[in-house]
């Protein structure tokens, strides 16, 4: 299943998705809070899940993000 098919109804309801993306690149004292790609991906999934960033399609997007194609 393609991401486009899953996300065709995924309309951002506010800036929470942008905020989630920005959060995974946070640093403290010049050190990444989420240093590896795996940690960034895991935290992005958690943030998107917690924030319900889209008006529709949140669960589908979360499953697709977790399990891929």
Protein backbone atom coordinates (compact mmCIF):
# COMPACT_ATOMS: atom_id res chain seq x y z
CA UNK A 1 0.00 0.00 0.00
CA UNK A 2 1.40 3.39 -0.88
CA UNK A 3 1.71 6.33 1.49
CA UNK A 4 -0.23 8.47 -1.00
CA UNK A 5 -3.23 6.10 -0.76
CA UNK A 6 -3.14 6.16 3.04
CA UNK A 7 -2.63 9.92 3.32
CA UNK A 8 -5.01 11.20 0.67
CA UNK A 9 -7.39 12.28 3.47
CA UNK A 10 -4.63 13.35 5.88
CA UNK A 11 -5.15 17.07 6.19
CA UNK A 12 -3.11 18.83 8.84
CA UNK A 13 -5.45 20.28 11.45
CA UNK A 14 -2.83 22.66 12.88
CA UNK A 15 0.94 23.07 13.17
CA UNK A 16 1.42 20.05 15.43
CA UNK A 17 2.97 17.89 12.68
CA UNK A 18 5.49 20.62 11.88
CA UNK A 19 6.19 20.90 15.59
CA UNK A 20 6.74 17.14 15.84
CA UNK A 21 9.24 17.28 12.98
CA UNK A 22 11.09 20.17 14.58
CA UNK A 23 11.14 18.48 17.99
CA UNK A 24 13.15 15.46 16.84
CA UNK A 25 16.00 17.81 15.82
CA UNK A 26 16.25 19.52 19.21
CA UNK A 27 19.64 19.92 20.84
CA UNK A 28 20.81 20.73 24.34
CA UNK A 29 24.22 22.31 24.76
CA UNK A 30 24.96 21.44 21.13
CA UNK A 31 24.16 17.73 21.58
CA UNK A 32 21.25 16.06 19.74
CA UNK A 33 18.52 14.91 22.13
CA UNK A 34 17.65 12.14 19.67
CA UNK A 35 21.04 11.25 18.15
CA UNK A 36 20.25 8.25 15.96
CA UNK A 37 17.86 7.83 13.06
CA UNK A 38 16.09 5.09 15.02
CA UNK A 39 15.49 7.39 18.00
CA UNK A 40 14.29 10.19 15.74
CA UNK A 41 11.87 7.81 14.00
CA UNK A 42 10.59 6.37 17.28
CA UNK A 43 10.02 9.78 18.82
CA UNK A 44 8.42 11.15 15.66
CA UNK A 45 5.94 8.25 15.75
CA UNK A 46 5.21 8.98 19.42
CA UNK A 47 4.77 12.72 18.85
CA UNK A 48 2.49 12.29 15.84
CA UNK A 49 0.46 9.69 17.75
CA UNK A 50 0.15 11.91 20.82
CA UNK A 51 -0.67 15.11 18.94
CA UNK A 52 -3.21 13.72 16.45
CA UNK A 53 -1.76 16.08 13.85
CA UNK A 54 -4.27 15.33 11.10
CA UNK A 55 -8.01 15.79 10.83
CA UNK A 56 -8.39 12.24 9.45
CA UNK A 57 -6.12 9.26 8.85
CA UNK A 58 -4.07 9.42 12.06
CA UNK A 59 -4.21 5.69 12.85
CA UNK A 60 -3.48 4.67 9.27
CA UNK A 61 -0.52 7.03 9.06
CA UNK A 62 0.82 5.76 12.39
CA UNK A 63 0.62 2.13 11.28
CA UNK A 64 2.20 2.92 7.94
CA UNK A 65 5.00 4.83 9.69
CA UNK A 66 5.63 1.91 12.01
CA UNK A 67 5.47 -0.98 9.55
CA UNK A 68 6.32 0.70 6.23
CA UNK A 69 4.99 -0.52 2.94
